[in-house]
Amino acid sequence: MRKKIVAGNWKMNKSRDEACDFFNLIQKSFLPEEVQLMVFPSALYLTEAVGIVNNKVIIGAQNCHFETKGAFTGEISSSMIASVGANAVIVGHSERRNLFNETNTMLAKKASDVVQSGLTLIFCCGEMLHERENQQHFKVVEEQLKNGLFHLSLEQFAKVIIAYEPVWAIGTGKTASASDAQDMHCFIRSLLSQIHPSVAHQTSILYGGSCTPANAKELFKQPDIDGGLIGGASLNVSDFLAIANSF
C-alpha cells in the first residue's frame, strides 16, 4: 500500500525561535498514525528540528548540491544533510527550476546523489500556466520526469516520492480542480508503469499546488493523489495538522 504523506515546505520563512516553537508544538500534538508527516525547514534549523521531533516527523532539506564536497560556496551536500539526522531532500521545485535555472540534467544528478546517500527524494514536476493553456502540460511533465528521474534503478525508486505542482497554482491562491489534479496524477502513474508495474504501485504522488485545509479533503479523495506538498499552510501548526487529518 502506498504511503499517505503530508510534507511541509517552509521555503525561506521562520526565525530559529519560530521554528523551534513549531516543532515543539508538533512534538506535543496527536498525529494521525496512517499519515507520514514531513517538514522541510531552512537548512539552518535541521539539527534542532531533528532533535525536537525525535523521529515523530521526517525532517528534510529543501535543496542540495549534487557533488559530495568541493569549492561550491554556499551549497550543502546530501551527505551533510544525512550527517545531522535529516532523512529527505526536495529536488526540482519549480522555484529552483525557474529562479535558479536548474535544468533536468542537473536535477538528474541531484536525484542520483540523494538516493545514493540513503535519503528519501521528493522530486517535483509541473507546468507553467502558458504550457497548460497550450495543452503542453502532459508533455512538459513527461519530459521533466523522464529526463530527471527515470535513470534511477528499481531499488532506488523505493526512496522516491513525486510531487506534482502546477506552477500557476503556487502562492497564487488558485488551485487545480480535484479532477484536473487527478488527471495529471493518473498520467504520472501511467508513466511510472513504463519503468515497472511495481514502481507505479508503490510510489506516492503528492499534490503541490496551494493545498489548504479547505480543499485537502476533496483532493485526497482522488485515487491517485497520495497527499500533499504544502507551502504556506505548512507554516501554521493547526493548518498543517488539519491537512494531515483530511484523509
Foldseek 3Di string as FASTA:
>chain_A
DAAQEAEEEADADDDLVLVLVLLLVVLVDDADPRYAYEYADAPVCLLVSCVRNVPVHAYEHADAFLDCDDPDPPGHHLLNGVVSPHAEYEFADPCCCPVVVQDLQRLLSNLVRNLVSVHAYEYEFEEEPVCVVVVNTLVRRLCSCVSRPLVDDPVSLLRYAYEYEHPNQAPPVDDDPLVVVLVNLVSVLVSLCVNPPVSSVHYAYAYEGADWLVCLLSNCVRPRHSYHHYYPLVSDNVTSSSSSPSD
